[in-house]
Amino acid sequence: MVEPYNSLLTTHTTLEHSDCSFMVDNEAIYDIAKSNLGIKSPTYTNLNRLIAQVVSSITASLRFDGALNVDLTEFQTNLVPYPRIHFPLVTYAPLISAEKAYHEQLSVAEITNACFEPGSQMVKCDPRNGKYMACCLLYRGDVVPKDINSAISMIKTKRAIQFVDWCPTGFKVGINYQPPTVVPGGDLAKLQRAVCMLSNTTAIAEAWARLDHKFDLIAFVHWYVGEGMEEGEFSEAREDMAALEKDYEEVGVDSFDPNEEEY
């Protein structure tokens, strides 16, 4: 009921102070739990374990060794082209339930390909409607660079992945030798390898637009005003979010011609 207000007010307050923020959408997590993991009525424990798996992958290089370790500060360097455009889309694969675990482990190519499927995303949006600004693939477990290179080449060839024209179309890669660990008796299958993809895409503006629309219904403001907030704080936050949507729209348009005269 009050999710849009909490999300937008928090984002507005922290926008100028955070360098890189990973978004998680309740709707997307619920869908993953139901569709991929076969949980009919997901609890917060189910959702939190899924989110924890993602956080574990993002921070694995702080705890374990690998061929290509990625430092947390590199996320800001590689994924954030402009200070306000700092909300990478998080995708995790494979998302397989413990009951449906395959007898054969999924290949590097298969898990890489799964990262570009909407069903593996932590936020509901369609990257096919946007452009990528940067892409970082964090592999864990039994993975070698040769397999990754061939998987990425296949992705570039077979998938209609569109990058903004002002940014190189490279993929940042991290390799960590520690296989993914799962909670004993949990929902996710124990696998030899996994990948977490962090991509800065203009498509995530869809999530902001959805939140903004819910925010505009503005049915529960009196709860907040009753607790001491002012209505002006809501309009200020909403204007900031409208500006953020516009920022994403602008970085997605073709770059200007430097030889073109200004009038």
Protein backbone atom coordinates (compact mmCIF):
# COMPACT_ATOMS: atom_id res chain seq x y z
CA MET A 1 0.00 0.00 0.00
CA VAL A 2 2.68 2.51 1.01
CA GLU A 3 5.55 0.94 -0.95
CA PRO A 4 5.63 3.67 -3.66
CA TYR A 5 5.88 6.42 -1.03
CA ASN A 6 8.65 4.72 0.93
CA SER A 7 10.60 3.90 -2.24
CA LEU A 8 10.40 7.37 -3.78
CA LEU A 9 11.00 9.28 -0.56
CA THR A 10 14.05 7.13 0.20
CA THR A 11 15.41 7.43 -3.34
CA HIS A 12 14.95 11.20 -3.34
CA THR A 13 16.72 11.54 0.02
CA THR A 14 19.68 9.31 -0.88
CA LEU A 15 20.07 10.12 -4.59
CA GLU A 16 22.81 12.69 -4.14
CA HIS A 17 24.63 10.68 -1.47
CA SER A 18 24.89 7.14 -2.87
CA ASP A 19 27.38 6.14 -5.57
CA CYS A 20 25.79 2.88 -6.75
CA SER A 21 22.46 1.34 -5.70
CA PHE A 22 21.17 -2.12 -6.54
CA MET A 23 17.39 -2.19 -6.80
CA VAL A 24 15.19 -5.12 -5.84
CA ASP A 25 11.55 -5.17 -6.89
CA ASN A 26 9.10 -7.07 -4.66
CA GLU A 27 7.00 -8.08 -7.65
CA ALA A 28 9.99 -9.52 -9.51
CA ILE A 29 11.21 -11.48 -6.47
CA TYR A 30 7.74 -12.90 -5.83
CA ASP A 31 7.51 -14.01 -9.47
CA ILE A 32 10.92 -15.71 -9.32
CA ALA A 33 9.94 -17.54 -6.13
CA LYS A 34 6.67 -18.73 -7.69
CA SER A 35 7.73 -19.44 -11.29
CA ASN A 36 11.36 -20.55 -11.00
CA LEU A 37 11.40 -22.05 -7.52
CA GLY A 38 7.86 -23.43 -7.42
CA ILE A 39 6.90 -21.77 -4.12
CA LYS A 40 3.12 -21.27 -4.10
CA SER A 41 3.00 -18.74 -1.25
CA PRO A 42 6.45 -17.17 -0.81
CA THR A 43 7.29 -15.82 2.66
CA TYR A 44 9.74 -13.06 3.48
CA THR A 45 12.23 -15.80 4.38
CA ASN A 46 12.04 -17.16 0.82
CA LEU A 47 12.47 -13.68 -0.65
CA ASN A 48 15.31 -12.69 1.66
CA ARG A 49 17.24 -15.88 0.91
CA LEU A 50 17.01 -15.11 -2.77
CA ILE A 51 18.20 -11.54 -2.24
CA ALA A 52 20.99 -12.81 0.04
CA GLN A 53 22.21 -15.08 -2.77
CA VAL A 54 22.53 -12.05 -5.04
CA VAL A 55 24.29 -9.95 -2.39
CA SER A 56 26.64 -12.87 -1.72
CA SER A 57 27.60 -13.00 -5.41
CA ILE A 58 28.13 -9.25 -5.66
CA THR A 59 30.42 -9.24 -2.61
CA ALA A 60 32.12 -12.64 -3.16
CA SER A 61 35.40 -11.06 -4.27
CA LEU A 62 35.76 -9.50 -0.81
CA ARG A 63 35.86 -12.97 0.74
CA PHE A 64 37.28 -15.39 -1.82
CA ASP A 65 40.04 -15.62 -4.40
CA GLY A 66 39.54 -15.72 -8.13
CA ALA A 67 41.20 -15.23 -11.51
CA LEU A 68 39.53 -11.86 -12.05
CA ASN A 69 38.45 -10.40 -8.75
CA VAL A 70 36.20 -7.36 -8.90
CA ASP A 71 36.50 -4.76 -6.16
CA LEU A 72 33.30 -3.02 -5.00
CA THR A 73 34.66 0.38 -6.03
CA GLU A 74 34.97 -0.95 -9.58
CA PHE A 75 31.18 -1.14 -9.82
CA GLN A 76 30.94 2.61 -9.58
CA THR A 77 33.84 3.07 -12.00
CA ASN A 78 32.53 0.64 -14.61
CA LEU A 79 28.77 0.91 -14.26
CA VAL A 80 28.01 4.55 -13.47
CA PRO A 81 28.54 6.97 -16.38
CA TYR A 82 26.84 9.92 -14.63
CA PRO A 83 26.35 10.44 -10.87
CA ARG A 84 22.53 10.18 -10.94
CA ILE A 85 22.44 7.18 -13.31
CA HIS A 86 23.60 4.76 -10.62
CA PHE A 87 20.93 2.03 -10.49
CA PRO A 88 22.25 -1.12 -12.20
CA LEU A 89 19.80 -3.89 -13.06
CA VAL A 90 20.67 -7.10 -11.18
CA THR A 91 20.16 -10.51 -12.82
CA TYR A 92 21.04 -13.92 -11.34
CA ALA A 93 21.30 -17.35 -12.95
CA PRO A 94 20.61 -20.16 -12.68
CA LEU A 95 17.49 -19.92 -10.53
CA ILE A 96 16.66 -23.60 -10.03
CA SER A 97 14.77 -25.11 -7.11
CA ALA A 98 16.37 -27.80 -4.97
CA GLU A 99 13.63 -30.24 -6.05
CA LYS A 100 14.10 -29.61 -9.77
CA ALA A 101 17.90 -29.56 -9.76
CA TYR A 102 19.24 -30.89 -13.05
CA HIS A 103 21.34 -34.02 -13.02
CA GLU A 104 23.70 -32.26 -15.42
CA GLN A 105 25.12 -28.90 -14.39
CA LEU A 106 24.27 -25.96 -16.65
CA SER A 107 27.08 -24.76 -18.90
CA VAL A 108 28.65 -21.30 -18.78
CA ALA A 109 26.89 -20.44 -22.06
CA GLU A 110 23.50 -21.47 -20.64
CA ILE A 111 23.77 -19.46 -17.42
CA THR A 112 25.12 -16.44 -19.33
CA ASN A 113 22.21 -16.61 -21.75
CA ALA A 114 19.77 -16.89 -18.82
CA CYS A 115 21.03 -13.53 -17.52
CA PHE A 116 19.38 -11.84 -20.47
CA GLU A 117 15.99 -13.43 -19.76
CA PRO A 118 13.44 -11.20 -17.94
CA GLY A 119 12.61 -14.08 -15.58
CA SER A 120 16.06 -13.84 -13.98
CA GLN A 121 15.88 -10.11 -13.19
CA MET A 122 15.49 -8.62 -9.73
CA VAL A 123 13.49 -5.71 -11.19
CA LYS A 124 10.53 -5.89 -13.57
CA CYS A 125 11.53 -4.17 -16.81
CA ASP A 126 12.31 -5.14 -20.40
CA PRO A 127 15.93 -4.46 -21.43
CA ARG A 128 14.89 -4.91 -25.07
CA ASN A 129 13.10 -1.57 -24.73
CA GLY A 130 16.25 0.20 -23.56
CA LYS A 131 19.95 0.53 -24.23
CA TYR A 132 22.85 -0.78 -22.18
CA MET A 133 25.47 1.65 -20.91
CA ALA A 134 27.61 -0.95 -19.14
CA CYS A 135 27.53 -4.64 -18.31
CA CYS A 136 29.36 -6.61 -15.62
CA LEU A 137 29.24 -10.43 -15.36
CA LEU A 138 30.29 -11.93 -12.02
CA TYR A 139 30.90 -15.68 -12.29
CA ARG A 140 31.31 -18.08 -9.38
CA GLY A 141 32.55 -21.65 -9.17
CA ASP A 142 33.76 -23.95 -11.94
CA VAL A 143 34.31 -21.36 -14.67
CA VAL A 144 37.23 -20.70 -17.03
CA PRO A 145 37.88 -17.56 -19.14
CA LYS A 146 37.73 -19.50 -22.44
CA ASP A 147 34.12 -20.56 -21.79
CA ILE A 148 33.17 -17.02 -20.76
CA ASN A 149 34.67 -15.50 -23.92
CA SER A 150 32.78 -17.92 -26.12
CA ALA A 151 29.52 -17.34 -24.16
CA ILE A 152 29.84 -13.55 -24.50
CA SER A 153 30.64 -13.87 -28.23
CA MET A 154 27.48 -15.95 -28.64
CA ILE A 155 25.44 -13.35 -26.76
CA LYS A 156 26.77 -10.55 -28.96
CA THR A 157 25.99 -12.54 -32.10
CA LYS A 158 22.60 -14.03 -31.28
CA ARG A 159 20.93 -11.47 -29.03
CA ALA A 160 19.73 -8.02 -30.02
CA ILE A 161 21.66 -6.24 -27.31
CA GLN A 162 21.83 -2.54 -27.96
CA PHE A 163 24.43 -0.31 -26.32
CA VAL A 164 24.35 3.48 -26.29
CA ASP A 165 26.56 4.80 -29.07
CA TRP A 166 28.69 6.92 -26.75
CA CYS A 167 29.91 3.95 -24.70
CA PRO A 168 32.18 1.01 -25.65
CA THR A 169 30.25 -2.26 -25.92
CA GLY A 170 32.53 -4.23 -23.61
CA PHE A 171 31.60 -6.65 -20.87
CA LYS A 172 33.39 -6.39 -17.53
CA VAL A 173 34.00 -9.89 -16.14
CA GLY A 174 34.70 -11.18 -12.63
CA ILE A 175 35.66 -14.79 -11.89
CA ASN A 176 35.55 -16.21 -8.37
CA TYR A 177 36.50 -19.83 -7.73
CA GLN A 178 34.22 -20.31 -4.72
CA PRO A 179 31.04 -22.13 -5.86
CA PRO A 180 27.73 -20.61 -4.79
CA THR A 181 26.69 -21.67 -1.30
CA VAL A 182 23.04 -22.22 -0.46
CA VAL A 183 21.13 -22.32 2.82
CA PRO A 184 20.75 -25.98 3.94
CA GLY A 185 17.18 -27.04 3.27
CA GLY A 186 16.59 -23.82 1.34
CA ASP A 187 14.86 -23.13 -1.96
CA LEU A 188 17.82 -22.90 -4.35
CA ALA A 189 19.67 -25.91 -5.74
CA LYS A 190 23.34 -26.41 -4.89
CA LEU A 191 25.22 -25.84 -8.15
CA GLN A 192 28.81 -25.86 -9.39
CA ARG A 193 28.59 -22.48 -11.07
CA ALA A 194 26.45 -19.34 -11.15
CA VAL A 195 26.57 -15.82 -12.53
CA CYS A 196 25.28 -12.47 -11.34
CA MET A 197 24.98 -9.78 -13.99
CA LEU A 198 24.97 -6.07 -13.16
CA SER A 199 23.95 -3.93 -16.10
CA ASN A 200 23.26 -0.24 -16.33
CA THR A 201 20.38 -0.02 -18.78
CA THR A 202 17.94 2.74 -19.63
CA ALA A 203 15.15 0.14 -19.41
CA ILE A 204 15.18 0.39 -15.61
CA ALA A 205 13.39 3.73 -16.07
CA GLU A 206 10.28 1.55 -16.56
CA ALA A 207 10.48 0.65 -12.87
CA TRP A 208 10.67 4.32 -11.89
CA ALA A 209 7.71 5.12 -14.17
CA ARG A 210 5.67 2.36 -12.53
CA LEU A 211 6.49 3.63 -9.04
CA ASP A 212 5.79 7.21 -10.06
CA HIS A 213 2.37 6.20 -11.40
CA LYS A 214 1.47 4.50 -8.10
CA PHE A 215 2.84 7.49 -6.20
CA ASP A 216 0.56 9.80 -8.20
CA LEU A 217 -2.51 8.01 -6.88
CA ILE A 218 -1.47 9.63 -3.57
CA ALA A 219 -4.15 7.95 -1.46
CA PHE A 220 -2.26 7.54 1.81
CA VAL A 221 -0.42 10.84 2.21
CA HIS A 222 -2.51 11.69 5.29
CA TRP A 223 -0.78 8.84 7.16
CA TYR A 224 2.59 10.51 6.64
CA VAL A 225 1.29 14.03 7.27
CA GLY A 226 -0.24 12.75 10.50
CA GLU A 227 3.23 11.58 11.54
CA GLY A 228 4.73 15.03 11.01
CA MET A 229 5.73 15.16 7.34
CA GLU A 230 4.73 18.02 5.07
CA GLU A 231 2.92 17.60 1.76
CA GLY A 232 5.62 19.71 0.09
CA GLU A 233 8.12 16.92 0.74
CA PHE A 234 6.06 14.62 -1.48
CA SER A 235 5.92 17.03 -4.41
CA GLU A 236 9.66 17.69 -4.10
CA ALA A 237 10.42 13.94 -4.16
CA ARG A 238 8.09 13.43 -7.13
CA GLU A 239 9.76 16.21 -9.12
CA ASP A 240 13.16 14.65 -8.44
CA MET A 241 11.93 11.27 -9.70
CA ALA A 242 10.48 12.89 -12.84
CA ALA A 243 13.92 14.42 -13.41
CA LEU A 244 15.53 10.98 -12.93
CA GLU A 245 13.21 9.47 -15.55
CA LYS A 246 14.20 12.30 -17.89
CA ASP A 247 17.90 11.66 -17.17
CA TYR A 248 17.54 8.03 -18.25
CA GLU A 249 15.64 9.09 -21.36
CA GLU A 250 18.39 11.53 -22.34
CA VAL A 251 21.32 9.11 -21.91
CA GLY A 252 19.50 6.67 -24.19
CA VAL A 253 19.18 9.04 -27.15
CA ASP A 254 21.83 9.09 -29.84
CA SER A 255 24.77 11.29 -28.99
CA PHE A 256 24.87 14.73 -30.53
CA ASP A 257 27.11 15.68 -33.43
CA PRO A 258 29.98 17.81 -32.03
CA ASN A 259 30.25 19.58 -35.41
CA GLU A 260 26.64 20.69 -35.28
CA GLU A 261 26.22 24.38 -34.58
CA GLU A 262 24.29 25.54 -31.56
CA TYR A 263 21.66 28.24 -31.96
